[in-house]
Amino acid sequence: MLDFREHKRVHDALSDVLPWAALIAPEVVLNKDGSFLATIRYRGPDLDSSTEEERVVKVAHINNILKRLGSGWALHAEAQRRVVNSYPEPSFPDPLSYLIDLRRSEAFRSNQHYETRYFLSLIFMPPRERETKLAGKFINSSNEDGINYRRVLEGFRSQVIAGACQGLKIQK
């Protein structure tokens, strides 16, 4: 694996302080410490209109998905709220529907409406080669030297991209 060090004493550029090293696969970034990063933008259900039982079921469902990840994972969640005041032009066949929608559009443009965008960043730190070699001696006697990083990357992509999107009903 590439060894990127962040021990540079003088930071000449923004890239010296950012953790990203390279885009190594579609939707996957290799960080300087050797970890993989993928960020998913999603739109969750409206929990404000859900019952307490529905929320408990949803939390249990997400918890079961996250428990399957195992060790070496980190999750970062972010929510960005912004004012939304654009409204599509109405096109109604009758005047009454047009007036109702006109009134609605005036209320909508009052800067009291927000849109929230959610992002989930998943980071996976593959096992170190020394740890993998030692574990391999106890678990099986394969002659494989080191870690197959291509297989680790494909495992990461399948868990994050396919698994999270199906389990959390996230659209890519």
C-alpha atoms as a PDB file:
ATOM      1  CA  MET A   1       0.000   0.000   0.000  1.00  0.00           C
ATOM      2  CA  LEU A   2       1.131   3.535  -0.584  1.00  0.00           C
ATOM      3  CA  ASP A   3       2.553   5.234   2.464  1.00  0.00           C
ATOM      4  CA  PHE A   4       1.457   8.847   2.642  1.00  0.00           C
ATOM      5  CA  ARG A   5       2.842  10.730   5.595  1.00  0.00           C
ATOM      6  CA  GLU A   6       1.382  13.886   7.001  1.00  0.00           C
ATOM      7  CA  HIS A   7       4.569  14.740   8.886  1.00  0.00           C
ATOM      8  CA  LYS A   8       5.394  17.631   6.647  1.00  0.00           C
ATOM      9  CA  ARG A   9       6.437  20.451   8.965  1.00  0.00           C
ATOM     10  CA  VAL A  10       5.543  23.336   6.643  1.00  0.00           C
ATOM     11  CA  HIS A  11       2.220  23.271   4.835  1.00  0.00           C
ATOM     12  CA  ASP A  12       2.709  24.852   1.430  1.00  0.00           C
ATOM     13  CA  ALA A  13      -0.698  24.102  -0.033  1.00  0.00           C
ATOM     14  CA  LEU A  14      -4.193  23.101   0.948  1.00  0.00           C
ATOM     15  CA  SER A  15      -3.475  19.533  -0.200  1.00  0.00           C
ATOM     16  CA  ASP A  16      -0.901  19.227   2.609  1.00  0.00           C
ATOM     17  CA  VAL A  17      -3.598  19.374   5.277  1.00  0.00           C
ATOM     18  CA  LEU A  18      -6.391  17.478   3.491  1.00  0.00           C
ATOM     19  CA  PRO A  19      -6.616  13.720   4.126  1.00  0.00           C
ATOM     20  CA  TRP A  20      -7.399  12.731   0.518  1.00  0.00           C
ATOM     21  CA  ALA A  21      -4.736  11.154  -1.649  1.00  0.00           C
ATOM     22  CA  ALA A  22      -6.413   9.904  -4.836  1.00  0.00           C
ATOM     23  CA  LEU A  23      -9.664   8.820  -6.438  1.00  0.00           C
ATOM     24  CA  ILE A  24      -8.961   5.098  -6.896  1.00  0.00           C
ATOM     25  CA  ALA A  25     -12.352   3.801  -8.036  1.00  0.00           C
ATOM     26  CA  PRO A  26     -15.710   5.296  -8.933  1.00  0.00           C
ATOM     27  CA  GLU A  27     -17.085   6.829  -5.721  1.00  0.00           C
ATOM     28  CA  VAL A  28     -14.051   5.761  -3.607  1.00  0.00           C
ATOM     29  CA  VAL A  29     -11.236   7.988  -2.343  1.00  0.00           C
ATOM     30  CA  LEU A  30      -7.959   6.679  -0.946  1.00  0.00           C
ATOM     31  CA  ASN A  31      -6.921   8.717   2.081  1.00  0.00           C
ATOM     32  CA  LYS A  32      -3.285   9.433   2.949  1.00  0.00           C
ATOM     33  CA  ASP A  33      -3.462   7.089   5.946  1.00  0.00           C
ATOM     34  CA  GLY A  34      -4.461   4.176   3.682  1.00  0.00           C
ATOM     35  CA  SER A  35      -8.191   4.205   4.450  1.00  0.00           C
ATOM     36  CA  PHE A  36     -11.003   4.211   1.902  1.00  0.00           C
ATOM     37  CA  LEU A  37     -13.700   6.908   1.880  1.00  0.00           C
ATOM     38  CA  ALA A  38     -17.097   6.993   0.193  1.00  0.00           C
ATOM     39  CA  THR A  39     -19.838   9.566   0.714  1.00  0.00           C
ATOM     40  CA  ILE A  40     -23.481   8.922  -0.030  1.00  0.00           C
ATOM     41  CA  ARG A  41     -26.112  11.616  -0.382  1.00  0.00           C
ATOM     42  CA  TYR A  42     -29.519  10.396   0.665  1.00  0.00           C
ATOM     43  CA  ARG A  43     -32.996  11.545   1.456  1.00  0.00           C
ATOM     44  CA  GLY A  44     -34.509   9.889   4.481  1.00  0.00           C
ATOM     45  CA  PRO A  45     -38.127   9.409   5.439  1.00  0.00           C
ATOM     46  CA  ASP A  46     -40.089  12.180   7.136  1.00  0.00           C
ATOM     47  CA  LEU A  47     -39.620  11.174  10.760  1.00  0.00           C
ATOM     48  CA  ASP A  48     -41.664  14.105  12.054  1.00  0.00           C
ATOM     49  CA  SER A  49     -44.833  12.535  10.697  1.00  0.00           C
ATOM     50  CA  SER A  50     -43.894   9.010  11.826  1.00  0.00           C
ATOM     51  CA  THR A  51     -45.267   7.322  14.916  1.00  0.00           C
ATOM     52  CA  GLU A  52     -42.977   6.335  17.782  1.00  0.00           C
ATOM     53  CA  GLU A  53     -43.256   2.668  16.768  1.00  0.00           C
ATOM     54  CA  GLU A  54     -42.219   3.444  13.186  1.00  0.00           C
ATOM     55  CA  ARG A  55     -39.164   5.335  14.452  1.00  0.00           C
ATOM     56  CA  VAL A  56     -38.152   2.454  16.723  1.00  0.00           C
ATOM     57  CA  VAL A  57     -38.432   0.004  13.804  1.00  0.00           C
ATOM     58  CA  LYS A  58     -36.388   2.304  11.538  1.00  0.00           C
ATOM     59  CA  VAL A  59     -33.646   2.736  14.160  1.00  0.00           C
ATOM     60  CA  ALA A  60     -33.484  -1.034  14.726  1.00  0.00           C
ATOM     61  CA  HIS A  61     -33.256  -1.604  10.968  1.00  0.00           C
ATOM     62  CA  ILE A  62     -30.378   0.879  10.559  1.00  0.00           C
ATOM     63  CA  ASN A  63     -28.648  -0.522  13.658  1.00  0.00           C
ATOM     64  CA  ASN A  64     -28.760  -4.042  12.181  1.00  0.00           C
ATOM     65  CA  ILE A  65     -27.196  -2.771   8.957  1.00  0.00           C
ATOM     66  CA  LEU A  66     -24.403  -0.950  10.780  1.00  0.00           C
ATOM     67  CA  LYS A  67     -23.639  -3.926  13.060  1.00  0.00           C
ATOM     68  CA  ARG A  68     -22.721  -5.993  10.003  1.00  0.00           C
ATOM     69  CA  LEU A  69     -19.861  -3.667   9.108  1.00  0.00           C
ATOM     70  CA  GLY A  70     -17.514  -4.984  11.797  1.00  0.00           C
ATOM     71  CA  SER A  71     -14.340  -3.266  12.958  1.00  0.00           C
ATOM     72  CA  GLY A  72     -12.228  -0.733  11.110  1.00  0.00           C
ATOM     73  CA  TRP A  73     -15.167   1.478  10.102  1.00  0.00           C
ATOM     74  CA  ALA A  74     -15.969   5.112  10.873  1.00  0.00           C
ATOM     75  CA  LEU A  75     -19.192   6.926   9.991  1.00  0.00           C
ATOM     76  CA  HIS A  76     -19.745  10.652   9.637  1.00  0.00           C
ATOM     77  CA  ALA A  77     -23.226  12.071   9.116  1.00  0.00           C
ATOM     78  CA  GLU A  78     -24.009  15.601   8.007  1.00  0.00           C
ATOM     79  CA  ALA A  79     -27.225  17.502   7.428  1.00  0.00           C
ATOM     80  CA  GLN A  80     -27.264  20.744   5.434  1.00  0.00           C
ATOM     81  CA  ARG A  81     -30.362  22.936   5.655  1.00  0.00           C
ATOM     82  CA  ARG A  82     -31.037  25.727   3.230  1.00  0.00           C
ATOM     83  CA  VAL A  83     -33.912  28.088   2.547  1.00  0.00           C
ATOM     84  CA  VAL A  84     -35.990  27.138  -0.466  1.00  0.00           C
ATOM     85  CA  ASN A  85     -38.130  29.827  -2.030  1.00  0.00           C
ATOM     86  CA  SER A  86     -38.277  28.832  -5.681  1.00  0.00           C
ATOM     87  CA  TYR A  87     -41.628  27.598  -6.842  1.00  0.00           C
ATOM     88  CA  PRO A  88     -42.601  26.135 -10.220  1.00  0.00           C
ATOM     89  CA  GLU A  89     -44.834  28.160 -12.508  1.00  0.00           C
ATOM     90  CA  PRO A  90     -48.452  27.047 -12.138  1.00  0.00           C
ATOM     91  CA  SER A  91     -50.403  25.709 -15.073  1.00  0.00           C
ATOM     92  CA  PHE A  92     -53.973  24.906 -14.143  1.00  0.00           C
ATOM     93  CA  PRO A  93     -56.975  24.604 -16.459  1.00  0.00           C
ATOM     94  CA  ASP A  94     -59.455  26.374 -14.191  1.00  0.00           C
ATOM     95  CA  PRO A  95     -59.176  29.725 -12.347  1.00  0.00           C
ATOM     96  CA  LEU A  96     -60.006  28.345  -8.887  1.00  0.00           C
ATOM     97  CA  SER A  97     -57.102  25.877  -8.905  1.00  0.00           C
ATOM     98  CA  TYR A  98     -54.844  28.652 -10.177  1.00  0.00           C
ATOM     99  CA  LEU A  99     -55.852  30.985  -7.309  1.00  0.00           C
ATOM    100  CA  ILE A 100     -55.341  28.266  -4.694  1.00  0.00           C
ATOM    101  CA  ASP A 101     -51.888  27.519  -6.054  1.00  0.00           C
ATOM    102  CA  LEU A 102     -51.062  31.234  -6.291  1.00  0.00           C
ATOM    103  CA  ARG A 103     -51.813  31.612  -2.591  1.00  0.00           C
ATOM    104  CA  ARG A 104     -49.696  28.566  -1.829  1.00  0.00           C
ATOM    105  CA  SER A 105     -46.777  29.918  -3.866  1.00  0.00           C
ATOM    106  CA  GLU A 106     -46.874  33.220  -1.938  1.00  0.00           C
ATOM    107  CA  ALA A 107     -46.633  31.339   1.357  1.00  0.00           C
ATOM    108  CA  PHE A 108     -43.822  29.221  -0.057  1.00  0.00           C
ATOM    109  CA  ARG A 109     -41.730  32.255  -1.066  1.00  0.00           C
ATOM    110  CA  SER A 110     -41.830  33.650   2.479  1.00  0.00           C
ATOM    111  CA  ASN A 111     -38.397  32.115   3.366  1.00  0.00           C
ATOM    112  CA  GLN A 112     -40.047  29.818   5.902  1.00  0.00           C
ATOM    113  CA  HIS A 113     -39.443  26.624   3.917  1.00  0.00           C
ATOM    114  CA  TYR A 114     -36.268  24.583   4.148  1.00  0.00           C
ATOM    115  CA  GLU A 115     -34.715  21.684   2.332  1.00  0.00           C
ATOM    116  CA  THR A 116     -32.379  19.350   4.161  1.00  0.00           C
ATOM    117  CA  ARG A 117     -29.722  17.390   2.341  1.00  0.00           C
ATOM    118  CA  TYR A 118     -28.174  14.445   4.164  1.00  0.00           C
ATOM    119  CA  PHE A 119     -24.719  12.970   3.604  1.00  0.00           C
ATOM    120  CA  LEU A 120     -23.243   9.802   5.077  1.00  0.00           C
ATOM    121  CA  SER A 121     -19.471   9.342   4.770  1.00  0.00           C
ATOM    122  CA  LEU A 122     -18.121   5.860   5.422  1.00  0.00           C
ATOM    123  CA  ILE A 123     -14.427   5.311   6.054  1.00  0.00           C
ATOM    124  CA  PHE A 124     -12.794   1.876   6.201  1.00  0.00           C
ATOM    125  CA  MET A 125      -9.259   1.224   7.385  1.00  0.00           C
ATOM    126  CA  PRO A 126      -8.007  -2.066   5.910  1.00  0.00           C
ATOM    127  CA  PRO A 127      -6.042  -4.307   8.271  1.00  0.00           C
ATOM    128  CA  ARG A 128      -2.317  -3.716   8.374  1.00  0.00           C
ATOM    129  CA  GLU A 129      -0.145  -6.221   6.513  1.00  0.00           C
ATOM    130  CA  ARG A 130       1.658  -7.321   9.662  1.00  0.00           C
ATOM    131  CA  GLU A 131      -1.636  -8.071  11.435  1.00  0.00           C
ATOM    132  CA  THR A 132      -2.976  -9.944   8.409  1.00  0.00           C
ATOM    133  CA  LYS A 133       0.158 -12.087   8.041  1.00  0.00           C
ATOM    134  CA  LEU A 134       0.085 -13.013  11.727  1.00  0.00           C
ATOM    135  CA  ALA A 135      -3.633 -13.841  11.637  1.00  0.00           C
ATOM    136  CA  GLY A 136      -3.085 -15.896   8.471  1.00  0.00           C
ATOM    137  CA  LYS A 137      -0.616 -18.137  10.274  1.00  0.00           C
ATOM    138  CA  PHE A 138      -3.243 -19.055  12.861  1.00  0.00           C
ATOM    139  CA  ILE A 139      -6.318 -19.225  10.645  1.00  0.00           C
ATOM    140  CA  ASN A 140      -5.031 -20.915   7.486  1.00  0.00           C
ATOM    141  CA  SER A 141      -1.731 -21.851   5.948  1.00  0.00           C
ATOM    142  CA  SER A 142      -2.092 -20.072   2.620  1.00  0.00           C
ATOM    143  CA  ASN A 143       1.037 -18.914   0.839  1.00  0.00           C
ATOM    144  CA  GLU A 144      -0.495 -15.510   0.137  1.00  0.00           C
ATOM    145  CA  ASP A 145       1.969 -12.764   1.085  1.00  0.00           C
ATOM    146  CA  GLY A 146       0.418  -9.503   2.211  1.00  0.00           C
ATOM    147  CA  ILE A 147      -3.026  -8.136   1.563  1.00  0.00           C
ATOM    148  CA  ASN A 148      -4.865  -8.242  -1.740  1.00  0.00           C
ATOM    149  CA  TYR A 149      -5.876  -4.573  -1.764  1.00  0.00           C
ATOM    150  CA  ARG A 150      -7.927  -4.978  -4.924  1.00  0.00           C
ATOM    151  CA  ARG A 151     -10.109  -7.502  -3.098  1.00  0.00           C
ATOM    152  CA  VAL A 152     -10.324  -5.231  -0.033  1.00  0.00           C
ATOM    153  CA  LEU A 153     -11.370  -2.319  -2.273  1.00  0.00           C
ATOM    154  CA  GLU A 154     -14.040  -4.391  -4.027  1.00  0.00           C
ATOM    155  CA  GLY A 155     -15.316  -5.578  -0.626  1.00  0.00           C
ATOM    156  CA  PHE A 156     -15.530  -1.963   0.525  1.00  0.00           C
ATOM    157  CA  ARG A 157     -17.397  -0.920  -2.617  1.00  0.00           C
ATOM    158  CA  SER A 158     -19.843  -3.813  -2.380  1.00  0.00           C
ATOM    159  CA  GLN A 159     -20.596  -3.118   1.282  1.00  0.00           C
ATOM    160  CA  VAL A 160     -20.928   0.631   0.926  1.00  0.00           C
ATOM    161  CA  ILE A 161     -22.375   1.168  -2.513  1.00  0.00           C
ATOM    162  CA  ALA A 162     -24.570  -1.912  -2.840  1.00  0.00           C
ATOM    163  CA  GLY A 163     -25.207  -2.819   0.791  1.00  0.00           C
ATOM    164  CA  ALA A 164     -25.946   0.636   2.144  1.00  0.00           C
ATOM    165  CA  CYS A 165     -28.058   1.612  -0.848  1.00  0.00           C
ATOM    166  CA  GLN A 166     -30.207  -1.523  -0.569  1.00  0.00           C
ATOM    167  CA  GLY A 167     -30.403  -1.676   3.212  1.00  0.00           C
ATOM    168  CA  LEU A 168     -31.048   2.012   3.820  1.00  0.00           C
ATOM    169  CA  LYS A 169     -33.065   2.371   0.591  1.00  0.00           C
ATOM    170  CA  ILE A 170     -30.619   5.024  -0.609  1.00  0.00           C
ATOM    171  CA  GLN A 171     -30.560   5.989  -4.245  1.00  0.00           C
ATOM    172  CA  LYS A 172     -27.109   6.629  -5.687  1.00  0.00           C
END
